[in-house]
């Protein structure tokens, strides 16, 4: 199976609201655990999901856009996002 098709299947196995464990996602998709883990890593890198421990959830469009903006303009922004928490950057004096 191509990576794109695998990622599509895994992405659509994650509920639109709430979260799912990796183990339940493997059971729901019927895809081997190693392939699901690799897909989740790609989906998180593409800013489509967030994985916290063994649970996975979809990012909303707004969250994805903010993460993307922060990633590509991080030097200019007065804040950072760490583990879903927005924090003001420290100003060097």
N, C-alpha and C. Protein backbone atom coordinates (compact mmCIF):
# COMPACT_ATOMS: atom_id res chain seq x y z
N UNK A 1 0.84 -1.18 0.00
CA UNK A 1 0.00 0.00 0.00
C UNK A 1 0.89 1.24 0.00
N UNK A 2 0.54 2.22 -0.84
CA UNK A 2 1.30 3.47 -0.88
C UNK A 2 1.14 4.24 0.43
N UNK A 3 2.16 5.03 0.79
CA UNK A 3 2.10 5.81 2.01
C UNK A 3 0.88 6.73 2.04
N UNK A 4 0.54 7.33 0.90
CA UNK A 4 -0.59 8.25 0.83
C UNK A 4 -1.90 7.53 1.16
N UNK A 5 -2.05 6.32 0.63
CA UNK A 5 -3.26 5.54 0.89
C UNK A 5 -3.32 5.09 2.34
N UNK A 6 -2.17 4.72 2.87
CA UNK A 6 -2.08 4.32 4.27
C UNK A 6 -2.45 5.48 5.18
N UNK A 7 -1.86 6.66 4.91
CA UNK A 7 -2.14 7.85 5.72
C UNK A 7 -3.62 8.22 5.65
N UNK A 8 -4.22 8.08 4.47
CA UNK A 8 -5.65 8.39 4.30
C UNK A 8 -6.49 7.45 5.18
N UNK A 9 -6.17 6.16 5.15
CA UNK A 9 -6.91 5.17 5.94
C UNK A 9 -6.76 5.43 7.44
N UNK A 10 -5.54 5.72 7.87
CA UNK A 10 -5.29 5.98 9.29
C UNK A 10 -5.98 7.27 9.72
N UNK A 11 -5.84 8.32 8.92
CA UNK A 11 -6.46 9.62 9.25
C UNK A 11 -7.97 9.45 9.44
N UNK A 12 -8.60 8.71 8.55
CA UNK A 12 -10.06 8.54 8.62
C UNK A 12 -10.48 7.52 9.67
N UNK A 13 -9.53 6.84 10.29
CA UNK A 13 -9.83 5.97 11.41
C UNK A 13 -9.88 6.71 12.73
N UNK A 14 -9.41 7.96 12.73
CA UNK A 14 -9.42 8.79 13.94
C UNK A 14 -10.77 9.51 14.00
N UNK A 15 -11.46 9.46 15.15
CA UNK A 15 -12.76 10.12 15.23
C UNK A 15 -12.65 11.64 15.04
N UNK A 16 -13.71 12.23 14.46
CA UNK A 16 -13.70 13.67 14.21
C UNK A 16 -13.69 14.47 15.52
N UNK A 17 -14.32 13.94 16.53
CA UNK A 17 -14.29 14.58 17.84
C UNK A 17 -13.75 13.57 18.84
N UNK A 18 -12.99 14.03 19.77
CA UNK A 18 -12.41 13.13 20.76
C UNK A 18 -11.10 12.55 20.27
N UNK A 19 -10.69 11.48 20.92
CA UNK A 19 -9.41 10.87 20.58
C UNK A 19 -9.57 9.35 20.57
N UNK A 20 -8.51 8.68 20.16
CA UNK A 20 -8.50 7.23 20.07
C UNK A 20 -7.10 6.78 20.46
N UNK A 21 -7.02 5.61 21.06
CA UNK A 21 -5.69 5.07 21.38
C UNK A 21 -5.09 4.47 20.12
N UNK A 22 -3.79 4.39 20.10
CA UNK A 22 -3.10 3.80 18.96
C UNK A 22 -3.53 2.34 18.80
N UNK A 23 -3.66 1.64 19.91
CA UNK A 23 -4.09 0.23 19.87
C UNK A 23 -5.49 0.09 19.24
N UNK A 24 -6.42 0.96 19.62
CA UNK A 24 -7.76 0.91 19.04
C UNK A 24 -7.74 1.31 17.57
N UNK A 25 -6.85 2.23 17.21
CA UNK A 25 -6.73 2.64 15.82
C UNK A 25 -6.20 1.48 14.95
N UNK A 26 -5.25 0.74 15.48
CA UNK A 26 -4.73 -0.43 14.78
C UNK A 26 -5.86 -1.44 14.57
N UNK A 27 -6.67 -1.67 15.61
CA UNK A 27 -7.78 -2.62 15.51
C UNK A 27 -8.84 -2.13 14.52
N UNK A 28 -9.12 -0.83 14.55
CA UNK A 28 -10.17 -0.26 13.69
C UNK A 28 -9.77 -0.29 12.21
N UNK A 29 -8.49 -0.07 11.94
CA UNK A 29 -8.05 0.01 10.54
C UNK A 29 -7.61 -1.35 10.00
N UNK A 30 -7.21 -2.25 10.88
CA UNK A 30 -6.71 -3.54 10.43
C UNK A 30 -5.32 -3.47 9.83
N UNK A 31 -4.64 -2.38 10.08
CA UNK A 31 -3.29 -2.17 9.54
C UNK A 31 -2.28 -2.52 10.64
N UNK A 32 -1.15 -3.11 10.25
CA UNK A 32 -0.16 -3.54 11.23
C UNK A 32 0.36 -2.36 12.05
N UNK A 33 0.68 -2.59 13.33
CA UNK A 33 1.08 -1.52 14.24
C UNK A 33 2.24 -0.65 13.75
N UNK A 34 3.26 -1.26 13.17
CA UNK A 34 4.41 -0.48 12.69
C UNK A 34 4.03 0.49 11.60
N UNK A 35 3.16 0.09 10.71
CA UNK A 35 2.71 0.95 9.61
C UNK A 35 1.84 2.09 10.15
N UNK A 36 1.01 1.79 11.15
CA UNK A 36 0.17 2.83 11.76
C UNK A 36 1.05 3.86 12.46
N UNK A 37 2.04 3.40 13.19
CA UNK A 37 2.95 4.31 13.89
C UNK A 37 3.68 5.21 12.91
N UNK A 38 4.18 4.66 11.81
CA UNK A 38 4.87 5.47 10.80
C UNK A 38 3.91 6.48 10.18
N UNK A 39 2.67 6.07 9.93
CA UNK A 39 1.68 6.98 9.37
C UNK A 39 1.36 8.11 10.34
N UNK A 40 1.20 7.77 11.62
CA UNK A 40 0.92 8.80 12.62
C UNK A 40 2.06 9.82 12.71
N UNK A 41 3.28 9.36 12.59
CA UNK A 41 4.42 10.28 12.61
C UNK A 41 4.35 11.25 11.42
N UNK A 42 4.00 10.73 10.26
CA UNK A 42 3.87 11.60 9.08
C UNK A 42 2.71 12.58 9.26
N UNK A 43 1.57 12.08 9.71
CA UNK A 43 0.40 12.94 9.88
C UNK A 43 0.67 14.05 10.90
N UNK A 44 1.42 13.74 11.94
CA UNK A 44 1.76 14.77 12.93
C UNK A 44 2.74 15.78 12.32
N UNK A 45 3.67 15.30 11.53
CA UNK A 45 4.62 16.19 10.85
C UNK A 45 3.89 17.11 9.86
N UNK A 46 2.81 16.60 9.24
CA UNK A 46 2.01 17.40 8.31
C UNK A 46 1.02 18.31 9.03
N UNK A 47 1.06 18.32 10.36
CA UNK A 47 0.20 19.17 11.20
C UNK A 47 -1.28 18.85 11.03
N UNK A 48 -1.60 17.57 10.92
CA UNK A 48 -2.99 17.14 10.78
C UNK A 48 -3.52 16.48 12.06
N UNK A 49 -2.62 15.95 12.89
CA UNK A 49 -3.03 15.27 14.11
C UNK A 49 -2.12 15.69 15.25
N UNK A 50 -2.52 15.33 16.46
CA UNK A 50 -1.67 15.53 17.63
C UNK A 50 -1.68 14.21 18.40
N UNK A 51 -0.51 13.73 18.73
CA UNK A 51 -0.38 12.50 19.50
C UNK A 51 0.17 12.84 20.87
N UNK A 52 -0.52 12.38 21.91
CA UNK A 52 -0.08 12.59 23.28
C UNK A 52 -0.05 11.23 23.96
N UNK A 53 1.14 10.69 24.13
CA UNK A 53 1.25 9.35 24.70
C UNK A 53 0.67 8.32 23.74
N UNK A 54 -0.30 7.58 24.20
CA UNK A 54 -0.92 6.55 23.37
C UNK A 54 -2.22 7.01 22.73
N UNK A 55 -2.60 8.27 22.91
CA UNK A 55 -3.84 8.75 22.30
C UNK A 55 -3.54 9.69 21.14
N UNK A 56 -4.45 9.70 20.19
CA UNK A 56 -4.30 10.49 18.98
C UNK A 56 -5.61 11.24 18.75
N UNK A 57 -5.51 12.50 18.30
CA UNK A 57 -6.71 13.25 17.94
C UNK A 57 -6.41 14.08 16.70
N UNK A 58 -7.47 14.41 15.98
CA UNK A 58 -7.34 15.28 14.81
C UNK A 58 -7.15 16.72 15.28
N UNK A 59 -6.36 17.49 14.55
CA UNK A 59 -6.28 18.92 14.81
C UNK A 59 -7.40 19.60 14.03
N UNK A 60 -7.98 20.63 14.63
CA UNK A 60 -8.98 21.40 13.90
C UNK A 60 -8.26 22.21 12.82
N UNK A 61 -9.01 22.73 11.89
CA UNK A 61 -8.43 23.57 10.84
C UNK A 61 -7.70 24.75 11.47
N UNK A 62 -8.31 25.36 12.47
CA UNK A 62 -7.68 26.51 13.13
C UNK A 62 -6.37 26.13 13.81
N UNK A 63 -6.37 25.00 14.51
CA UNK A 63 -5.15 24.55 15.17
C UNK A 63 -4.05 24.27 14.15
N UNK A 64 -4.42 23.62 13.08
CA UNK A 64 -3.46 23.29 12.04
C UNK A 64 -2.87 24.55 11.41
N UNK A 65 -3.71 25.53 11.14
CA UNK A 65 -3.23 26.79 10.54
C UNK A 65 -2.31 27.55 11.50
N UNK A 66 -2.66 27.58 12.77
CA UNK A 66 -1.82 28.28 13.74
C UNK A 66 -0.47 27.57 13.88
N UNK A 67 -0.51 26.24 13.95
CA UNK A 67 0.73 25.47 14.05
C UNK A 67 1.62 25.72 12.83
N UNK A 68 1.00 25.75 11.65
CA UNK A 68 1.74 25.98 10.41
C UNK A 68 2.36 27.37 10.41
N UNK A 69 1.58 28.36 10.81
CA UNK A 69 2.09 29.73 10.86
C UNK A 69 3.24 29.83 11.85
N UNK A 70 3.09 29.20 13.00
CA UNK A 70 4.16 29.24 14.01
C UNK A 70 5.42 28.55 13.51
N UNK A 71 5.24 27.47 12.83
CA UNK A 71 6.39 26.71 12.32
C UNK A 71 7.17 27.51 11.29
N UNK A 72 6.48 28.22 10.43
CA UNK A 72 7.15 28.91 9.32
C UNK A 72 7.50 30.36 9.59
N UNK A 73 7.02 30.92 10.69
CA UNK A 73 7.36 32.30 11.02
C UNK A 73 7.77 32.44 12.47
N UNK A 74 8.32 31.36 13.03
CA UNK A 74 8.59 31.32 14.46
C UNK A 74 9.55 32.40 14.95
N UNK A 75 10.45 32.87 14.12
CA UNK A 75 11.39 33.90 14.57
C UNK A 75 10.71 35.24 14.77
N UNK A 76 9.63 35.50 14.03
CA UNK A 76 8.96 36.79 14.08
C UNK A 76 7.82 36.85 15.09
N UNK A 77 7.32 35.72 15.52
CA UNK A 77 6.15 35.70 16.39
C UNK A 77 6.53 36.01 17.84
N UNK A 78 5.66 36.73 18.55
CA UNK A 78 5.95 37.06 19.96
C UNK A 78 5.55 35.93 20.91
N UNK A 79 5.15 34.78 20.39
CA UNK A 79 4.73 33.67 21.25
C UNK A 79 5.19 32.35 20.65
N UNK A 80 5.13 31.31 21.48
CA UNK A 80 5.41 29.95 21.04
C UNK A 80 4.27 29.06 21.52
N UNK A 81 4.09 27.93 20.86
CA UNK A 81 3.10 26.95 21.30
C UNK A 81 3.87 25.71 21.73
N UNK A 82 3.73 25.36 23.01
CA UNK A 82 4.39 24.18 23.56
C UNK A 82 3.34 23.25 24.13
N UNK A 83 3.21 22.07 23.54
CA UNK A 83 2.24 21.08 23.99
C UNK A 83 0.83 21.66 24.07
N UNK A 84 0.47 22.47 23.09
CA UNK A 84 -0.87 23.02 23.02
C UNK A 84 -1.08 24.26 23.88
N UNK A 85 -0.04 24.73 24.56
CA UNK A 85 -0.14 25.92 25.42
C UNK A 85 0.57 27.08 24.74
N UNK A 86 -0.13 28.20 24.61
CA UNK A 86 0.46 29.41 24.01
C UNK A 86 1.19 30.17 25.10
N UNK A 87 2.48 30.44 24.85
CA UNK A 87 3.30 31.14 25.82
C UNK A 87 3.99 32.32 25.15
N UNK A 88 4.08 33.46 25.86
CA UNK A 88 4.80 34.61 25.33
C UNK A 88 6.29 34.29 25.33
N UNK A 89 6.97 34.73 24.28
CA UNK A 89 8.43 34.53 24.24
C UNK A 89 9.07 35.48 25.22
N UNK A 90 10.16 35.01 25.80
CA UNK A 90 10.93 35.86 26.69
C UNK A 90 11.70 36.87 25.84
N UNK A 91 11.70 38.08 26.28
CA UNK A 91 12.45 39.11 25.57
C UNK A 91 13.83 39.24 26.17
N UNK A 92 14.83 39.13 25.33
CA UNK A 92 16.21 39.26 25.80
C UNK A 92 16.49 40.72 26.05
N UNK A 93 16.92 41.01 27.25
CA UNK A 93 17.21 42.41 27.59
C UNK A 93 18.68 42.65 27.68
